[in-house]
Amino acid sequence: MDAHGANLLIIIPAYNEQGHVGEVIRDVNGALPGADVLVVDDGSGDGTAAEAERAGATVLSLPVNSGYGVALQTGYKFGVRAGYEIIGQIDADGQHRAEYLTQMLEALKRENADLIVGSRFLGADGHYKPSLARAMGIGLFAHLTTSITREHISDPTSGFQLMRNRVARLFCSDVYPTDYPDADVLILLHRTGYRVREIPVQMRPSPGKSMHSGHTGPYYVYKMLLSIFVTLLRRGTKVIPQAKLAP
């Protein structure tokens, strides 16, 4: 595989990201010129899909707004069906800096990992300042994930990821939590025998409300704790299911 992205797909889930998504696509193309870019337009009411097409991305448009996890799983199904060896994801609002995709790709191979997470906290440089509520939520789930997996996880809510095909195939199955895929997904991967590693990245402040920014508050905490509990009840054997890829 070419180090600059041959047989590599980058998924961008997007909801009402006109004015941002085109620049994100150009940033991805600049960082990984050989990669293919897929925008999953999650029922946007603006010009997100048209802007993404003008920027050169393949676009899949969902008929209604279905949420962050469903948009991601749609991208995984596309990538698995098309046979991409490595599949990544980056937010459409510009918060994630595509320049780090190269380092994430190198780490995936160097660490012999199955999934690489770009962490805004691992470097401890203080560049990212979340709200108090968000910081408390991230801290809670970082502690839980680290305790359960016995691997240091500093940023369990980061949606900036790069994974091998076998992980995306697992995410195409019904074990993937399509409402809030965060810490529960990292625990799921650990329980099924996959190797997760973080690398430090820098992120920009979100310019507005992104698809991932709603993952705060009491309801999110309740749903995530419930999802983690269900994940812990699953058998801890590695499985690579034959995913049902029908729409």
Protein backbone atom coordinates (compact mmCIF):
# COMPACT_ATOMS: atom_id res chain seq x y z
CA MET A 1 0.00 0.00 0.00
CA ASP A 2 1.29 3.45 -0.90
CA ALA A 3 2.17 5.49 2.20
CA HIS A 4 0.20 8.42 0.80
CA GLY A 5 -3.11 6.64 0.78
CA ALA A 6 -3.63 4.05 -1.99
CA ASN A 7 -6.53 1.77 -1.05
CA LEU A 8 -7.44 4.19 1.72
CA LEU A 9 -10.88 5.73 2.28
CA ILE A 10 -11.57 8.75 4.48
CA ILE A 11 -15.19 9.10 5.64
CA ILE A 12 -16.59 12.53 6.45
CA PRO A 13 -20.03 12.40 8.12
CA ALA A 14 -21.72 15.75 7.55
CA TYR A 15 -24.91 17.48 8.60
CA ASN A 16 -25.51 21.08 7.46
CA GLU A 17 -21.79 21.74 6.95
CA GLN A 18 -22.01 24.01 3.90
CA GLY A 19 -19.09 26.41 4.11
CA HIS A 20 -16.89 23.90 5.96
CA VAL A 21 -17.02 20.51 4.24
CA GLY A 22 -15.31 21.64 1.02
CA GLU A 23 -12.28 22.91 2.91
CA VAL A 24 -12.07 19.70 4.93
CA ILE A 25 -12.07 17.66 1.71
CA ARG A 26 -9.29 19.81 0.27
CA ASP A 27 -7.29 19.41 3.49
CA VAL A 28 -7.65 15.62 3.32
CA ASN A 29 -6.60 15.56 -0.33
CA GLY A 30 -3.58 17.69 0.53
CA ALA A 31 -2.52 15.41 3.39
CA LEU A 32 -3.21 12.10 1.61
CA PRO A 33 -3.34 12.74 -2.15
CA GLY A 34 -3.92 9.06 -2.97
CA ALA A 35 -6.86 8.58 -0.63
CA ASP A 36 -10.50 8.48 -1.69
CA VAL A 37 -12.91 10.73 0.19
CA LEU A 38 -16.51 9.81 0.99
CA VAL A 39 -18.94 12.35 2.43
CA VAL A 40 -22.03 10.88 4.05
CA ASP A 41 -24.56 13.70 3.97
CA ASP A 42 -26.90 13.01 6.88
CA GLY A 43 -30.08 14.58 5.52
CA SER A 44 -28.69 18.12 5.38
CA GLY A 45 -31.04 20.96 4.54
CA ASP A 46 -28.35 23.14 2.98
CA GLY A 47 -25.79 22.79 0.18
CA THR A 48 -23.50 20.32 1.97
CA ALA A 49 -23.82 17.58 -0.68
CA ALA A 50 -23.30 19.94 -3.62
CA GLU A 51 -20.26 21.56 -1.98
CA ALA A 52 -18.75 18.14 -1.28
CA GLU A 53 -19.24 17.03 -4.88
CA ARG A 54 -17.63 20.23 -6.19
CA ALA A 55 -14.63 19.54 -3.95
CA GLY A 56 -14.23 16.10 -5.57
CA ALA A 57 -15.64 13.76 -2.94
CA THR A 58 -17.97 10.84 -3.49
CA VAL A 59 -21.25 11.69 -1.75
CA LEU A 60 -23.86 9.41 -0.22
CA SER A 61 -26.97 11.30 0.89
CA LEU A 62 -29.24 9.84 3.56
CA PRO A 63 -32.92 10.72 2.99
CA VAL A 64 -33.44 11.89 6.59
CA ASN A 65 -31.21 13.02 9.43
CA SER A 66 -30.26 9.75 11.15
CA GLY A 67 -27.42 10.75 13.46
CA TYR A 68 -23.65 10.55 13.70
CA GLY A 69 -23.35 6.80 14.25
CA VAL A 70 -25.65 5.88 11.37
CA ALA A 71 -23.75 8.20 9.03
CA LEU A 72 -20.47 6.60 10.07
CA GLN A 73 -21.81 3.06 9.70
CA THR A 74 -23.06 3.94 6.23
CA GLY A 75 -19.51 4.93 5.36
CA TYR A 76 -18.07 1.74 6.86
CA LYS A 77 -20.45 -0.37 4.77
CA PHE A 78 -19.42 1.51 1.65
CA GLY A 79 -15.73 1.06 2.47
CA VAL A 80 -16.00 -2.64 3.34
CA ARG A 81 -18.07 -3.40 0.26
CA ALA A 82 -15.51 -1.60 -1.92
CA GLY A 83 -12.62 -3.51 -0.30
CA TYR A 84 -10.61 -0.62 1.16
CA GLU A 85 -7.78 -1.90 3.36
CA ILE A 86 -7.76 1.15 5.63
CA ILE A 87 -10.69 3.39 6.51
CA GLY A 88 -10.48 6.68 8.37
CA GLN A 89 -12.95 9.24 9.64
CA ILE A 90 -12.74 12.98 10.18
CA ASP A 91 -15.39 15.52 11.17
CA ALA A 92 -16.83 17.88 8.57
CA ASP A 93 -16.68 21.06 10.64
CA GLY A 94 -12.91 21.57 10.36
CA GLN A 95 -12.13 20.77 14.00
CA HIS A 96 -9.89 17.84 13.05
CA ARG A 97 -6.66 18.78 11.30
CA ALA A 98 -6.17 16.50 8.30
CA GLU A 99 -2.39 17.03 8.38
CA TYR A 100 -2.26 14.45 11.22
CA LEU A 101 -3.69 11.69 9.00
CA THR A 102 -0.20 10.92 7.71
CA GLN A 103 1.11 10.41 11.26
CA MET A 104 -1.92 8.29 12.10
CA LEU A 105 -1.31 6.10 9.05
CA GLU A 106 2.35 5.67 10.02
CA ALA A 107 1.34 4.80 13.61
CA LEU A 108 -1.19 2.23 12.40
CA LYS A 109 1.63 0.32 10.72
CA ARG A 110 4.37 1.04 13.25
CA GLU A 111 2.28 -0.01 16.25
CA ASN A 112 0.75 -2.97 14.40
CA ALA A 113 -2.56 -1.52 15.57
CA ASP A 114 -6.08 -2.17 14.38
CA LEU A 115 -7.33 1.34 15.17
CA ILE A 116 -5.55 4.65 15.80
CA VAL A 117 -7.29 7.45 17.69
CA GLY A 118 -6.14 11.05 17.36
CA SER A 119 -6.12 12.38 20.94
CA ARG A 120 -6.28 16.09 21.73
CA PHE A 121 -5.16 15.41 25.32
CA LEU A 122 -2.31 12.90 24.98
CA GLY A 123 0.30 15.56 24.35
CA ALA A 124 -0.81 17.47 27.46
CA ASP A 125 0.05 20.75 25.73
CA GLY A 126 -3.15 22.47 26.86
CA HIS A 127 -4.08 23.67 23.36
CA TYR A 128 -7.67 22.34 23.61
CA LYS A 129 -9.98 23.88 26.22
CA PRO A 130 -13.32 22.05 26.51
CA SER A 131 -16.19 23.36 28.60
CA LEU A 132 -16.31 22.18 32.21
CA ALA A 133 -19.22 19.81 31.52
CA ARG A 134 -17.50 18.30 28.50
CA ALA A 135 -14.18 18.00 30.33
CA MET A 136 -15.91 16.15 33.18
CA GLY A 137 -17.65 13.78 30.75
CA ILE A 138 -14.47 13.04 28.82
CA GLY A 139 -12.59 12.53 32.07
CA LEU A 140 -15.21 10.10 33.39
CA PHE A 141 -15.20 7.94 30.29
CA ALA A 142 -11.44 8.13 29.88
CA HIS A 143 -11.11 6.74 33.42
CA LEU A 144 -13.69 4.00 32.79
CA THR A 145 -12.17 2.99 29.45
CA THR A 146 -8.65 2.93 30.87
CA SER A 147 -9.77 0.87 33.88
CA ILE A 148 -11.64 -1.69 31.77
CA THR A 149 -9.09 -2.07 28.97
CA ARG A 150 -5.98 -1.55 31.13
CA GLU A 151 -4.68 0.62 28.31
CA HIS A 152 -4.25 4.37 28.81
CA ILE A 153 -7.03 6.13 26.88
CA SER A 154 -6.99 9.92 27.15
CA ASP A 155 -9.63 10.90 24.57
CA PRO A 156 -12.45 8.32 24.33
CA THR A 157 -14.80 10.75 22.55
CA SER A 158 -12.44 11.58 19.68
CA GLY A 159 -14.03 10.94 16.29
CA PHE A 160 -10.66 11.36 14.54
CA GLN A 161 -9.75 7.74 13.75
CA LEU A 162 -8.01 5.43 11.29
CA MET A 163 -8.75 1.69 11.21
CA ARG A 164 -8.09 -1.50 9.31
CA ASN A 165 -10.78 -3.15 7.18
CA ARG A 166 -11.43 -5.85 9.78
CA VAL A 167 -12.43 -3.22 12.35
CA ALA A 168 -14.74 -1.47 9.88
CA ARG A 169 -16.29 -4.85 9.10
CA LEU A 170 -17.02 -5.36 12.79
CA PHE A 171 -18.58 -1.87 12.87
CA CYS A 172 -20.91 -2.89 10.01
CA SER A 173 -22.56 -5.46 12.26
CA ASP A 174 -25.29 -4.98 14.85
CA VAL A 175 -22.77 -4.80 17.72
CA TYR A 176 -21.94 -1.24 16.64
CA PRO A 177 -23.81 1.37 18.74
CA THR A 178 -25.22 3.74 16.12
CA ASP A 179 -26.47 6.35 18.60
CA TYR A 180 -23.31 7.28 20.54
CA PRO A 181 -20.21 5.42 19.29
CA ASP A 182 -17.48 6.60 21.68
CA ALA A 183 -15.93 4.90 24.74
CA ASP A 184 -18.20 1.88 24.27
CA VAL A 185 -16.62 1.23 20.85
CA LEU A 186 -13.09 1.30 22.28
CA ILE A 187 -14.12 -1.15 25.00
CA LEU A 188 -15.82 -3.35 22.38
CA LEU A 189 -12.59 -3.49 20.37
CA HIS A 190 -10.57 -4.41 23.45
CA ARG A 191 -13.08 -7.14 24.39
CA THR A 192 -12.91 -8.62 20.90
CA GLY A 193 -9.12 -8.66 20.83
CA TYR A 194 -8.28 -5.69 18.64
CA ARG A 195 -5.35 -3.37 19.28
CA VAL A 196 -6.22 0.31 19.86
CA ARG A 197 -3.58 3.01 20.14
CA GLU A 198 -3.70 6.81 20.53
CA ILE A 199 -1.36 9.40 19.09
CA PRO A 200 -1.29 13.08 20.08
CA VAL A 201 -2.91 15.52 17.66
CA GLN A 202 -4.01 19.12 17.85
CA MET A 203 -7.59 20.10 17.12
CA ARG A 204 -9.15 23.44 16.32
CA PRO A 205 -12.10 24.79 18.32
CA SER A 206 -15.33 23.72 16.66
CA PRO A 207 -16.80 26.65 14.67
CA GLY A 208 -20.31 25.64 15.66
CA LYS A 209 -22.43 22.66 16.64
CA SER A 210 -20.99 19.57 14.98
CA MET A 211 -22.53 16.11 14.69
CA HIS A 212 -20.29 14.99 17.55
CA SER A 213 -20.69 18.03 19.81
CA GLY A 214 -24.07 16.95 21.16
CA HIS A 215 -22.46 14.07 23.03
CA THR A 216 -22.71 15.73 26.42
CA GLY A 217 -25.28 16.04 29.17
CA PRO A 218 -27.08 13.59 31.47
CA TYR A 219 -28.78 11.65 28.65
CA TYR A 220 -25.47 11.00 26.90
CA VAL A 221 -23.85 9.87 30.17
CA TYR A 222 -26.78 7.51 30.85
CA LYS A 223 -26.77 6.05 27.34
CA MET A 224 -22.99 5.62 27.31
CA LEU A 225 -22.93 3.88 30.70
CA LEU A 226 -25.73 1.57 29.52
CA SER A 227 -23.90 0.83 26.27
CA ILE A 228 -20.66 0.07 28.16
CA PHE A 229 -22.58 -2.29 30.47
CA VAL A 230 -24.06 -4.14 27.48
CA THR A 231 -20.63 -4.30 25.84
CA LEU A 232 -19.18 -5.90 28.97
CA LEU A 233 -21.86 -8.60 28.81
CA ARG A 234 -20.75 -9.65 25.34
CA ARG A 235 -18.39 -12.57 24.87
CA GLY A 236 -14.77 -11.45 24.84
CA THR A 237 -13.70 -13.42 21.79
CA LYS A 238 -12.34 -11.90 18.62
CA VAL A 239 -14.90 -12.07 15.87
CA ILE A 240 -14.85 -10.69 12.35
CA PRO A 241 -18.49 -11.09 11.37
CA GLN A 242 -19.70 -11.44 7.85
CA ALA A 243 -21.41 -8.08 7.98
CA LYS A 244 -24.81 -7.58 6.39
CA LEU A 245 -24.05 -4.83 3.94
CA ALA A 246 -27.47 -4.35 2.43
CA PRO A 247 -28.77 -0.78 2.81
